């Protein structure tokens, strides 16, 4: 990941194209450069536009503050520095990183639909430089790519007023407000904004649906392999993590009073950002505990409660997963020895490895129940890789996607639609190969987590080019579906693609199987859904309180 980001940053920071254009924004004038999308269509990129003041010094660990005006003409041909993250080279990171970039085919006042990409990366990293916009910009859309605070700087919390948390999500909301105020000058319609993202970006999309702070800032939402209901998207031990992290960098230990929170945050403000990043990978049990939380402001209540009660921003939704979401995780389990550790010490390793935490009822029991249902005896070899892929995919991605889609399908009563999909096409490339090298033989048949990205964004400069005709055709279909949805709220507003993607119903889940010949299908995994819904996880108890009451049948 470190090498990939460095290579991409070097490419993105290369000299601007010869042709430039100047645009007047509310903050000042900016110059962008011309590029070409797939098929030769011209578009213009305006890079590194500040939407918030630098979150440094006294503003570290504070809510974002809107950026002011600049003097002169801003150079929008140079990419902004990456936000601090453990995986990136230090030369390309800077704490002053709250910038966004806009790519538009029409750098003037008009009304094209706007698509705002929210970064993936588990809330601790951001691979934004990897995502080149040439596929999407072949269509009549404006693409906005934003950056936000990550990891410790974006999601650490003392669970009180001193550091409520969710700063990264608040950064995103600030960027969305910038879009409302400025995007028309760059060719976009502020009343046609679609937010979309994958993995943590998909969960972030869902969080903005659930947050009153994001009300009115977008009209459509696309969640790819992520939702706020997924077990990895929310934690409840932020204070413990914060003080544990503080001890790692020599800041005060915990006492149960607000004054100690103040002392901790004051101390952390003075720790060099390089030291914060160096320590982050060693957070126990992993740096992926740095996630959103229920803070009472950005997120008023648990996501399951908000979804069940309909307390959210109703918009048209497009949500889906890949056919074998668990393949990426399964490969790490096998190659990094996680399976061996889990078999040897299931009580310690099993629950978090399978998505069960302390706030679930008896997480060890639940983890064992799930393991035995999918894999049988407590043992493992490669003949059982398929059920491992299914277990990990269901626990971390597929079932929370089903819950989100089924609940948001109820919004048809208010005039809003929910479209579900499953990417079933296995292309030449697997995205996991970028991070782990060539796939082993047993991994060649899977459509894993993140494999959808290559059909929406170009990764040519990383030597991950779509060369097979079928892969290029799937990309053409997906780009049409995504941009149609952004423009109209319907991925197939007519029959120009030769098929119709119908919205799902809460009582009968249906989805589009995305291949080179897409087709509608009914979701036929009732037994799996029932298994996961019957587990006394906290999310299930909040989504289905009657199911877990003592009088329930």
Protein backbone atom coordinates (compact mmCIF):
# COMPACT_ATOMS: atom_id res chain seq x y z
CA UNK A 1 0.00 0.00 0.00
CA UNK A 2 2.82 2.41 0.88
CA UNK A 3 4.55 1.93 -2.48
CA UNK A 4 1.27 2.19 -4.39
CA UNK A 5 0.37 5.49 -2.75
CA UNK A 6 3.83 6.91 -3.39
CA UNK A 7 3.70 5.95 -7.05
CA UNK A 8 0.22 7.39 -7.48
CA UNK A 9 1.13 10.61 -5.70
CA UNK A 10 4.13 11.11 -7.96
CA UNK A 11 1.93 10.67 -11.01
CA UNK A 12 -0.77 12.98 -9.67
CA UNK A 13 1.79 15.64 -8.75
CA UNK A 14 3.29 15.62 -12.25
CA UNK A 15 3.31 18.71 -14.44
CA UNK A 16 -0.04 20.07 -15.53
CA UNK A 17 -1.32 19.72 -19.07
CA UNK A 18 -0.55 22.55 -21.45
CA UNK A 19 -4.15 23.76 -21.62
CA UNK A 20 -5.54 25.44 -18.51
CA UNK A 21 -8.68 27.33 -17.61
CA UNK A 22 -9.38 29.89 -14.90
CA UNK A 23 -12.63 29.87 -12.88
CA UNK A 24 -13.87 32.33 -10.28
CA UNK A 25 -15.13 30.66 -7.08
CA UNK A 26 -16.53 32.35 -3.98
CA UNK A 27 -13.14 31.95 -2.30
CA UNK A 28 -11.17 33.33 -5.24
CA UNK A 29 -9.88 32.52 -8.71
CA UNK A 30 -8.40 29.10 -9.47
CA UNK A 31 -6.68 27.60 -12.51
CA UNK A 32 -7.40 24.02 -13.57
CA UNK A 33 -5.86 21.81 -16.24
CA UNK A 34 -7.30 19.86 -19.15
CA UNK A 35 -7.21 16.06 -19.39
CA UNK A 36 -8.94 13.44 -21.51
CA UNK A 37 -11.44 10.82 -20.40
CA UNK A 38 -11.84 7.41 -21.98
CA UNK A 39 -12.85 7.95 -25.58
CA UNK A 40 -10.98 11.26 -25.82
CA UNK A 41 -13.53 13.55 -24.18
CA UNK A 42 -12.00 16.58 -22.49
CA UNK A 43 -12.46 17.35 -18.83
CA UNK A 44 -10.83 19.78 -16.41
CA UNK A 45 -9.37 19.12 -12.99
CA UNK A 46 -9.24 21.67 -10.19
CA UNK A 47 -7.10 20.13 -7.48
CA UNK A 48 -6.43 21.01 -3.86
CA UNK A 49 -9.31 23.40 -3.12
CA UNK A 50 -9.44 24.13 0.64
CA UNK A 51 -12.88 23.58 2.17
CA UNK A 52 -11.79 23.95 5.80
CA UNK A 53 -9.06 25.73 7.70
CA UNK A 54 -5.93 23.67 8.46
CA UNK A 55 -6.79 21.45 11.47
CA UNK A 56 -3.46 22.12 13.17
CA UNK A 57 -2.33 23.63 16.45
CA UNK A 58 -5.35 24.69 18.49
CA UNK A 59 -7.66 23.28 15.77
CA UNK A 60 -6.29 19.75 16.09
CA UNK A 61 -9.10 17.59 17.54
CA UNK A 62 -11.62 20.40 16.91
CA UNK A 63 -14.63 20.50 14.59
CA UNK A 64 -13.73 21.77 11.11
CA UNK A 65 -13.90 25.50 10.46
CA UNK A 66 -14.84 26.68 6.97
CA UNK A 67 -11.95 27.87 4.82
CA UNK A 68 -11.74 31.52 3.93
CA UNK A 69 -10.84 33.33 0.73
CA UNK A 70 -7.41 33.33 -0.88
CA UNK A 71 -5.55 36.12 -2.63
CA UNK A 72 -4.52 36.05 -6.24
CA UNK A 73 -5.05 33.05 -8.52
CA UNK A 74 -4.79 29.63 -6.90
CA UNK A 75 -2.88 26.88 -8.71
CA UNK A 76 -5.38 24.03 -9.07
CA UNK A 77 -3.07 21.81 -11.12
CA UNK A 78 -1.17 20.35 -8.16
CA UNK A 79 -2.69 17.66 -5.97
CA UNK A 80 -3.03 18.31 -2.24
CA UNK A 81 -0.96 16.43 0.35
CA UNK A 82 -2.46 13.27 1.78
CA UNK A 83 -3.97 13.33 5.24
CA UNK A 84 -1.71 11.66 7.81
CA UNK A 85 -2.09 7.87 7.76
CA UNK A 86 0.12 4.95 8.73
CA UNK A 87 0.36 3.47 5.21
CA UNK A 88 1.55 6.53 3.28
CA UNK A 89 5.11 7.85 2.79
CA UNK A 90 5.73 10.76 5.16
CA UNK A 91 6.85 12.96 2.25
CA UNK A 92 3.31 12.96 0.85
CA UNK A 93 1.44 13.57 4.11
CA UNK A 94 0.56 16.81 5.84
CA UNK A 95 -1.79 17.61 8.71
CA UNK A 96 -3.03 20.57 6.67
CA UNK A 97 -4.98 18.29 4.33
CA UNK A 98 -8.64 19.33 4.24
CA UNK A 99 -8.88 19.82 0.50
CA UNK A 100 -11.09 18.55 -2.28
CA UNK A 101 -10.61 18.21 -6.03
CA UNK A 102 -13.24 18.77 -8.71
CA UNK A 103 -13.24 17.17 -12.17
CA UNK A 104 -15.72 18.59 -14.66
CA UNK A 105 -16.39 18.42 -18.40
CA UNK A 106 -17.81 21.98 -18.27
CA UNK A 107 -15.81 24.47 -16.16
CA UNK A 108 -18.56 27.07 -16.18
CA UNK A 109 -21.95 27.68 -14.59
CA UNK A 110 -24.31 24.89 -15.63
CA UNK A 111 -26.36 22.11 -14.05
CA UNK A 112 -24.65 18.72 -14.45
CA UNK A 113 -25.28 16.05 -11.81
CA UNK A 114 -22.59 15.89 -9.14
CA UNK A 115 -20.99 12.74 -7.73
CA UNK A 116 -18.99 13.12 -4.50
CA UNK A 117 -16.61 10.24 -3.72
CA UNK A 118 -16.05 9.46 -0.03
CA UNK A 119 -12.74 7.66 0.61
CA UNK A 120 -12.47 4.00 1.49
CA UNK A 121 -9.70 2.68 3.73
CA UNK A 122 -11.22 1.58 7.04
CA UNK A 123 -11.34 5.18 8.36
CA UNK A 124 -7.55 5.09 8.93
CA UNK A 125 -6.19 5.39 5.39
CA UNK A 126 -7.16 6.98 2.08
CA UNK A 127 -6.03 5.72 -1.31
CA UNK A 128 -7.44 8.75 -3.16
CA UNK A 129 -4.42 9.12 -5.50
CA UNK A 130 -5.12 5.63 -6.84
CA UNK A 131 -8.52 6.66 -8.22
CA UNK A 132 -8.33 8.25 -11.65
CA UNK A 133 -11.63 9.69 -12.98
CA UNK A 134 -11.32 8.92 -16.70
CA UNK A 135 -14.24 6.44 -16.82
CA UNK A 136 -16.83 8.58 -15.03
CA UNK A 137 -15.82 11.82 -16.76
CA UNK A 138 -16.69 10.31 -20.12
CA UNK A 139 -20.26 11.03 -18.98
CA UNK A 140 -22.06 14.28 -18.19
CA UNK A 141 -21.22 14.40 -14.48
CA UNK A 142 -19.06 16.48 -12.19
CA UNK A 143 -16.88 14.39 -9.86
CA UNK A 144 -15.74 15.67 -6.47
CA UNK A 145 -13.07 13.78 -4.52
CA UNK A 146 -12.58 14.91 -0.93
CA UNK A 147 -10.10 14.24 1.85
CA UNK A 148 -10.83 14.10 5.58
CA UNK A 149 -9.00 13.47 8.82
CA UNK A 150 -8.26 9.81 9.40
CA UNK A 151 -7.47 7.46 12.26
CA UNK A 152 -6.35 9.14 15.47
CA UNK A 153 -6.82 12.65 14.09
CA UNK A 154 -10.26 11.90 12.68
CA UNK A 155 -11.92 9.40 15.01
CA UNK A 156 -10.24 9.40 18.44
CA UNK A 157 -12.72 10.23 21.19
CA UNK A 158 -12.79 10.63 24.96
CA UNK A 159 -16.58 10.08 24.81
CA UNK A 160 -17.30 13.48 26.33
CA UNK A 161 -17.47 17.13 25.31
CA UNK A 162 -13.69 17.45 25.21
CA UNK A 163 -13.38 15.17 22.16
CA UNK A 164 -16.75 13.75 21.04
CA UNK A 165 -15.23 12.14 17.94
CA UNK A 166 -16.47 11.72 14.36
CA UNK A 167 -14.23 14.57 13.18
CA UNK A 168 -13.60 12.79 9.88
CA UNK A 169 -17.33 12.59 9.17
CA UNK A 170 -17.76 16.23 10.17
CA UNK A 171 -14.99 17.10 7.70
CA UNK A 172 -16.98 15.31 5.01
CA UNK A 173 -20.12 17.24 5.93
CA UNK A 174 -18.14 20.49 5.69
CA UNK A 175 -16.95 19.45 2.21
CA UNK A 176 -20.55 18.72 1.20
CA UNK A 177 -21.55 22.20 2.35
CA UNK A 178 -18.73 23.59 0.17
CA UNK A 179 -20.21 21.68 -2.76
CA UNK A 180 -23.61 23.26 -2.14
CA UNK A 181 -22.09 26.75 -2.14
CA UNK A 182 -19.61 26.42 -4.99
CA UNK A 183 -20.27 23.54 -7.38
CA UNK A 184 -22.42 25.49 -9.82
CA UNK A 185 -19.38 27.61 -10.76
CA UNK A 186 -17.67 24.36 -11.80
CA UNK A 187 -20.54 23.00 -13.87
CA UNK A 188 -22.55 21.14 -11.23
CA UNK A 189 -26.10 21.32 -9.93
CA UNK A 190 -26.20 21.55 -6.10
CA UNK A 191 -29.69 20.03 -6.20
CA UNK A 192 -28.39 16.86 -7.92
CA UNK A 193 -25.67 15.66 -5.56
CA UNK A 194 -24.99 11.94 -5.17
CA UNK A 195 -22.60 10.78 -2.48
CA UNK A 196 -20.93 7.43 -3.11
CA UNK A 197 -18.21 5.33 -1.59
CA UNK A 198 -16.93 1.81 -1.05
CA UNK A 199 -16.21 -0.07 2.19
CA UNK A 200 -15.62 2.66 4.82
CA UNK A 201 -16.73 5.14 2.16
CA UNK A 202 -19.99 3.23 1.79
CA UNK A 203 -20.49 3.28 5.55
CA UNK A 204 -19.75 7.02 5.55
CA UNK A 205 -22.44 7.50 2.89
CA UNK A 206 -24.89 5.75 5.21
CA UNK A 207 -23.78 7.85 8.18
CA UNK A 208 -24.62 11.02 6.25
CA UNK A 209 -28.07 9.59 5.60
CA UNK A 210 -28.42 9.11 9.37
CA UNK A 211 -26.97 12.46 10.44
CA UNK A 212 -29.01 15.65 10.94
CA UNK A 213 -25.79 17.58 10.24
CA UNK A 214 -25.91 16.37 6.62
CA UNK A 215 -29.57 17.09 5.97
CA UNK A 216 -30.15 18.72 2.57
CA UNK A 217 -26.55 18.32 1.43
CA UNK A 218 -27.24 15.51 -1.07
CA UNK A 219 -30.16 13.91 -2.87
CA UNK A 220 -28.93 10.38 -3.68
CA UNK A 221 -26.66 7.80 -2.08
CA UNK A 222 -24.61 4.87 -3.38
CA UNK A 223 -23.24 2.41 -0.81
CA UNK A 224 -20.70 -0.09 -2.19
CA UNK A 225 -19.78 -2.89 0.23
CA UNK A 226 -20.42 -0.82 3.31
CA UNK A 227 -23.17 0.47 5.60
CA UNK A 228 -23.40 1.93 9.09
CA UNK A 229 -24.97 -1.38 10.20
CA UNK A 230 -21.82 -3.37 9.43
CA UNK A 231 -20.02 -4.64 12.55
CA UNK A 232 -16.75 -2.90 11.65
CA UNK A 233 -18.37 0.52 11.09
CA UNK A 234 -19.08 1.45 14.73
CA UNK A 235 -17.41 0.90 18.09
CA UNK A 236 -18.27 1.64 21.71
CA UNK A 237 -14.86 1.58 23.42
CA UNK A 238 -13.45 4.89 22.23
CA UNK A 239 -12.51 6.23 25.66
CA UNK A 240 -10.54 3.10 26.47
CA UNK A 241 -8.77 3.31 23.12
CA UNK A 242 -8.05 7.04 23.54
CA UNK A 243 -6.38 6.70 26.93
CA UNK A 244 -4.55 3.58 25.85
CA UNK A 245 -3.21 5.50 22.88
CA UNK A 246 -2.30 8.40 25.14
CA UNK A 247 -0.17 6.13 27.29
CA UNK A 248 1.64 4.90 24.17
CA UNK A 249 2.81 8.47 23.43
CA UNK A 250 3.42 9.52 27.04
CA UNK A 251 0.16 11.37 27.74
CA UNK A 252 -1.88 11.17 31.00
CA UNK A 253 -3.55 7.96 32.12
CA UNK A 254 -7.29 7.65 32.65
CA UNK A 255 -9.39 8.89 35.54
CA UNK A 256 -13.16 9.08 35.44
CA UNK A 257 -13.41 12.86 35.19
CA UNK A 258 -13.63 15.48 32.46
CA UNK A 259 -10.48 17.24 33.63
CA UNK A 260 -8.47 14.18 32.70
CA UNK A 261 -9.99 14.22 29.21
CA UNK A 262 -8.83 17.82 28.85
CA UNK A 263 -5.33 16.90 30.01
CA UNK A 264 -5.16 14.02 27.55
CA UNK A 265 -6.31 16.05 24.55
CA UNK A 266 -4.06 19.01 25.45
CA UNK A 267 -1.14 16.61 25.62
CA UNK A 268 -2.02 14.92 22.33
CA UNK A 269 -2.19 18.31 20.60
CA UNK A 270 1.50 18.75 21.32
CA UNK A 271 2.61 15.32 20.06
CA UNK A 272 4.25 15.57 16.61
CA UNK A 273 2.03 14.11 13.92
CA UNK A 274 4.86 11.80 12.82
CA UNK A 275 4.86 10.22 16.28
CA UNK A 276 1.08 9.79 16.22
CA UNK A 277 1.32 7.96 12.90
CA UNK A 278 4.25 5.81 14.02
CA UNK A 279 2.33 4.54 17.03
CA UNK A 280 -1.06 4.05 15.33
CA UNK A 281 -0.31 0.57 13.85
CA UNK A 282 0.30 -0.75 17.38
CA UNK A 283 -3.08 0.21 18.82
CA UNK A 284 -4.67 -2.79 20.57
CA UNK A 285 -6.41 -4.81 19.25
CA UNK A 286 -5.83 -3.07 15.90
CA UNK A 287 -5.84 0.43 14.40
CA UNK A 288 -9.22 -0.35 12.85
CA UNK A 289 -10.84 0.44 16.20
CA UNK A 290 -10.63 4.09 15.12
CA UNK A 291 -14.13 4.37 13.70
CA UNK A 292 -17.29 6.48 14.07
CA UNK A 293 -19.34 6.42 17.27
CA UNK A 294 -22.67 7.60 18.66
CA UNK A 295 -21.78 11.13 19.75
CA UNK A 296 -25.28 12.60 20.15
CA UNK A 297 -24.56 15.31 17.58
CA UNK A 298 -23.41 14.00 14.22
CA UNK A 299 -24.88 10.60 15.09
CA UNK A 300 -27.82 11.10 17.51
CA UNK A 301 -28.33 7.40 18.31
CA UNK A 302 -27.17 3.93 17.33
CA UNK A 303 -27.50 3.43 13.54
CA UNK A 304 -29.86 0.49 14.07
CA UNK A 305 -32.17 2.64 16.18
CA UNK A 306 -32.19 5.46 13.63
CA UNK A 307 -32.87 3.03 10.77
CA UNK A 308 -35.65 1.20 12.62
CA UNK A 309 -37.38 4.43 13.66
CA UNK A 310 -36.98 6.11 10.26
CA UNK A 311 -34.99 8.98 11.77
CA UNK A 312 -32.79 9.75 8.79
CA UNK A 313 -32.50 11.76 5.59
CA UNK A 314 -34.65 9.95 3.03
CA UNK A 315 -33.04 9.81 -0.40
CA UNK A 316 -32.89 7.39 -3.31
CA UNK A 317 -30.41 4.62 -2.49
CA UNK A 318 -28.31 2.26 -4.57
CA UNK A 319 -26.52 -0.38 -2.49
CA UNK A 320 -24.65 -3.58 -3.19
CA UNK A 321 -21.84 -6.01 -2.57
CA UNK A 322 -19.54 -8.24 -4.58
CA UNK A 323 -20.41 -11.92 -4.89
CA UNK A 324 -17.52 -13.06 -2.68
CA UNK A 325 -16.96 -10.15 -0.29
CA UNK A 326 -15.06 -12.34 2.15
CA UNK A 327 -12.34 -13.36 -0.34
CA UNK A 328 -10.03 -10.45 0.52
CA UNK A 329 -10.27 -11.19 4.26
CA UNK A 330 -9.98 -14.93 3.72
CA UNK A 331 -6.74 -14.49 1.84
CA UNK A 332 -5.32 -12.48 4.73
CA UNK A 333 -6.56 -15.13 7.18
CA UNK A 334 -4.71 -17.85 5.29
CA UNK A 335 -1.53 -15.98 4.35
CA UNK A 336 -1.04 -14.09 7.62
CA UNK A 337 -1.70 -17.02 9.94
CA UNK A 338 -4.95 -15.66 11.38
CA UNK A 339 -6.72 -18.99 10.87
CA UNK A 340 -3.99 -20.86 12.71
CA UNK A 341 -4.16 -18.40 15.60
CA UNK A 342 -7.94 -18.64 15.70
CA UNK A 343 -7.94 -22.44 15.82
CA UNK A 344 -5.30 -22.43 18.58
CA UNK A 345 -6.84 -19.66 20.70
CA UNK A 346 -10.41 -19.18 19.59
CA UNK A 347 -11.57 -17.48 22.80
CA UNK A 348 -9.20 -14.57 22.22
CA UNK A 349 -8.90 -14.39 18.42
CA UNK A 350 -12.22 -15.79 17.19
CA UNK A 351 -14.80 -13.16 18.24
CA UNK A 352 -13.13 -10.02 16.81
CA UNK A 353 -11.84 -11.92 13.77
CA UNK A 354 -15.42 -12.92 12.93
CA UNK A 355 -17.02 -9.57 13.78
CA UNK A 356 -18.27 -10.07 17.35
CA UNK A 357 -17.48 -7.59 20.12
CA UNK A 358 -17.94 -7.13 23.86
CA UNK A 359 -21.24 -5.24 23.44
CA UNK A 360 -22.77 -8.36 21.83
CA UNK A 361 -24.19 -11.05 24.13
CA UNK A 362 -21.48 -13.68 24.83
CA UNK A 363 -19.34 -12.89 21.75
CA UNK A 364 -17.27 -16.08 22.07
CA UNK A 365 -20.38 -18.24 21.96
CA UNK A 366 -21.75 -16.36 18.96
CA UNK A 367 -18.45 -16.58 17.11
CA UNK A 368 -18.27 -20.33 17.71
CA UNK A 369 -21.86 -20.73 16.55
CA UNK A 370 -21.08 -18.91 13.29
CA UNK A 371 -17.82 -20.82 12.75
CA UNK A 372 -19.45 -24.23 13.20
CA UNK A 373 -22.44 -23.32 11.01
CA UNK A 374 -20.23 -22.48 8.05
CA UNK A 375 -17.09 -24.58 8.61
CA UNK A 376 -18.06 -27.46 10.86
CA UNK A 377 -15.37 -28.77 13.25
CA UNK A 378 -12.81 -26.36 14.68
CA UNK A 379 -10.16 -27.11 12.08
CA UNK A 380 -9.17 -25.72 8.69
CA UNK A 381 -7.48 -26.55 5.41
CA UNK A 382 -7.84 -25.15 1.90
CA UNK A 383 -10.61 -27.58 1.01
CA UNK A 384 -12.80 -25.39 3.24
CA UNK A 385 -11.85 -22.04 1.75
CA UNK A 386 -15.27 -21.54 0.12
CA UNK A 387 -17.25 -21.63 3.39
CA UNK A 388 -14.62 -19.36 5.01
CA UNK A 389 -15.11 -16.82 2.23
CA UNK A 390 -18.88 -17.06 2.72
CA UNK A 391 -18.65 -16.71 6.51
CA UNK A 392 -16.46 -13.62 6.39
CA UNK A 393 -18.49 -12.06 3.60
CA UNK A 394 -21.78 -12.60 5.41
CA UNK A 395 -20.54 -11.41 8.79
CA UNK A 396 -18.81 -8.25 7.63
CA UNK A 397 -20.63 -7.16 4.46
CA UNK A 398 -23.53 -9.09 2.96
CA UNK A 399 -25.93 -9.29 5.91
CA UNK A 400 -25.55 -5.63 6.93
CA UNK A 401 -26.15 -4.73 3.28
CA UNK A 402 -29.36 -6.78 3.31
CA UNK A 403 -30.54 -5.09 6.51
CA UNK A 404 -29.84 -1.61 5.14
CA UNK A 405 -31.52 -2.24 1.79
CA UNK A 406 -34.57 -3.94 3.31
CA UNK A 407 -35.16 -1.12 5.77
CA UNK A 408 -34.59 1.69 3.26
CA UNK A 409 -36.90 -0.05 0.80
CA UNK A 410 -39.69 1.00 3.16
CA UNK A 411 -39.11 4.56 1.98
CA UNK A 412 -41.06 3.73 -1.17
CA UNK A 413 -44.04 4.92 0.86
CA UNK A 414 -42.42 8.39 0.81
CA UNK A 415 -41.51 8.29 -2.89
CA UNK A 416 -37.90 7.11 -2.56
CA UNK A 417 -36.43 3.98 -4.13
CA UNK A 418 -33.80 1.45 -3.07
CA UNK A 419 -31.86 -0.42 -5.76
CA UNK A 420 -29.77 -3.46 -4.77
CA UNK A 421 -27.01 -5.20 -6.73
CA UNK A 422 -24.38 -7.92 -6.54
CA UNK A 423 -21.27 -7.71 -8.71
CA UNK A 424 -20.90 -11.23 -10.09
CA UNK A 425 -18.40 -10.65 -12.90
CA UNK A 426 -14.91 -11.99 -12.27
CA UNK A 427 -12.51 -9.93 -14.34
CA UNK A 428 -8.87 -10.29 -15.25
CA UNK A 429 -7.77 -8.47 -12.11
CA UNK A 430 -8.56 -8.96 -8.44
CA UNK A 431 -8.10 -5.83 -6.36
CA UNK A 432 -6.42 -7.79 -3.59
CA UNK A 433 -3.54 -8.47 -6.00
CA UNK A 434 -2.60 -4.78 -5.76
CA UNK A 435 -1.91 -5.14 -2.06
CA UNK A 436 -0.85 -8.76 -1.67
CA UNK A 437 0.70 -9.74 -4.99
CA UNK A 438 -0.60 -12.29 -7.53
CA UNK A 439 -3.53 -14.37 -6.36
CA UNK A 440 -2.96 -17.98 -5.30
CA UNK A 441 -4.76 -20.57 -7.42
CA UNK A 442 -7.61 -20.97 -4.92
CA UNK A 443 -8.41 -17.24 -5.12
CA UNK A 444 -8.79 -16.99 -8.89
CA UNK A 445 -12.53 -17.65 -9.03
CA UNK A 446 -13.68 -15.07 -6.47
CA UNK A 447 -15.20 -11.62 -6.96
CA UNK A 448 -13.85 -10.05 -3.79
CA UNK A 449 -14.10 -6.85 -1.83
CA UNK A 450 -13.06 -3.76 -3.85
CA UNK A 451 -13.13 -5.59 -7.21
CA UNK A 452 -15.91 -3.21 -8.30
CA UNK A 453 -13.61 -0.19 -8.14
CA UNK A 454 -11.70 -1.04 -11.32
CA UNK A 455 -14.87 -0.72 -13.39
CA UNK A 456 -15.67 2.80 -12.13
CA UNK A 457 -12.18 4.28 -11.87
CA UNK A 458 -9.09 3.93 -14.02
CA UNK A 459 -5.99 2.37 -12.47
CA UNK A 460 -4.00 2.42 -15.72
CA UNK A 461 -1.05 4.23 -14.18
CA UNK A 462 -0.64 1.38 -11.69
CA UNK A 463 -0.54 -1.18 -14.51
CA UNK A 464 -4.00 -2.43 -13.65
CA UNK A 465 -5.64 -1.76 -17.00
CA UNK A 466 -8.82 -3.30 -18.29
CA UNK A 467 -7.78 -5.05 -21.50
CA UNK A 468 -10.34 -7.82 -21.92
CA UNK A 469 -13.38 -6.86 -23.98
CA UNK A 470 -15.74 -8.36 -21.42
CA UNK A 471 -14.18 -6.38 -18.56
CA UNK A 472 -14.42 -3.17 -20.57
CA UNK A 473 -18.06 -3.97 -21.33
CA UNK A 474 -18.87 -4.48 -17.64
CA UNK A 475 -17.16 -1.16 -16.91
CA UNK A 476 -19.28 0.55 -19.56
CA UNK A 477 -22.44 -0.90 -18.01
CA UNK A 478 -21.54 0.06 -14.44
CA UNK A 479 -20.52 3.61 -15.37
CA UNK A 480 -23.82 4.04 -17.21
CA UNK A 481 -25.80 2.69 -14.24
CA UNK A 482 -24.01 4.82 -11.66
CA UNK A 483 -24.17 8.05 -13.67
CA UNK A 484 -27.80 7.47 -14.70
CA UNK A 485 -28.66 7.10 -11.03
CA UNK A 486 -26.80 10.33 -10.22
CA UNK A 487 -28.65 12.16 -12.97
CA UNK A 488 -32.18 10.84 -12.46
CA UNK A 489 -32.38 8.71 -9.30
CA UNK A 490 -32.95 5.68 -11.53
CA UNK A 491 -30.03 3.60 -12.92
CA UNK A 492 -32.15 2.54 -15.92
CA UNK A 493 -34.51 5.44 -16.63
CA UNK A 494 -35.25 3.93 -20.05
CA UNK A 495 -34.41 0.76 -21.98
CA UNK A 496 -31.30 2.15 -23.67
CA UNK A 497 -29.17 -0.46 -21.84
CA UNK A 498 -31.45 -3.29 -22.91
CA UNK A 499 -32.59 -4.21 -19.38
CA UNK A 500 -34.49 -2.69 -16.48
CA UNK A 501 -33.16 -2.44 -12.92
CA UNK A 502 -36.25 -2.40 -10.72
CA UNK A 503 -36.15 -1.15 -7.13
CA UNK A 504 -36.37 -3.75 -4.41
CA UNK A 505 -39.30 -4.16 -2.06
CA UNK A 506 -39.00 -4.64 1.68
CA UNK A 507 -41.23 -7.72 1.51
CA UNK A 508 -39.41 -9.33 -1.43
CA UNK A 509 -35.75 -8.47 -1.85
CA UNK A 510 -34.54 -8.37 -5.44
CA UNK A 511 -31.24 -7.25 -6.90
CA UNK A 512 -29.40 -6.78 -10.18
CA UNK A 513 -26.74 -9.39 -10.83
CA UNK A 514 -24.04 -7.34 -12.57
CA UNK A 515 -22.25 -9.32 -15.27
CA UNK A 516 -21.70 -8.73 -18.97
CA UNK A 517 -25.40 -9.69 -19.25
CA UNK A 518 -27.08 -8.12 -16.18
CA UNK A 519 -30.32 -9.65 -14.92
CA UNK A 520 -32.71 -9.15 -12.02
CA UNK A 521 -32.75 -11.88 -9.37
CA UNK A 522 -34.60 -12.63 -6.16
CA UNK A 523 -32.63 -12.89 -2.95
CA UNK A 524 -32.93 -16.56 -2.01
CA UNK A 525 -30.87 -16.87 1.19
CA UNK A 526 -33.65 -16.78 3.75
CA UNK A 527 -31.97 -19.34 6.04
CA UNK A 528 -28.74 -17.33 6.16
CA UNK A 529 -30.65 -14.12 6.88
CA UNK A 530 -32.58 -15.81 9.67
CA UNK A 531 -29.39 -17.21 11.20
CA UNK A 532 -27.74 -13.80 11.43
CA UNK A 533 -30.90 -11.99 12.56
CA UNK A 534 -31.42 -14.44 15.40
CA UNK A 535 -27.99 -13.80 16.93
CA UNK A 536 -28.29 -11.58 20.02
CA UNK A 537 -25.97 -8.92 18.70
CA UNK A 538 -26.63 -5.41 19.89
CA UNK A 539 -27.51 -4.31 16.35
CA UNK A 540 -30.13 -7.05 16.01
CA UNK A 541 -31.69 -6.21 19.37
CA UNK A 542 -32.06 -2.58 18.30
CA UNK A 543 -33.32 -3.40 14.82
CA UNK A 544 -35.75 -6.09 15.99
CA UNK A 545 -36.61 -5.50 19.68
CA UNK A 546 -39.79 -7.60 19.43
CA UNK A 547 -37.82 -10.56 18.13
CA UNK A 548 -35.67 -10.57 21.28
CA UNK A 549 -38.38 -9.84 23.85
CA UNK A 550 -39.22 -12.59 26.32
CA UNK A 551 -42.76 -12.83 24.96
CA UNK A 552 -41.60 -13.26 21.35
CA UNK A 553 -42.37 -16.46 19.50
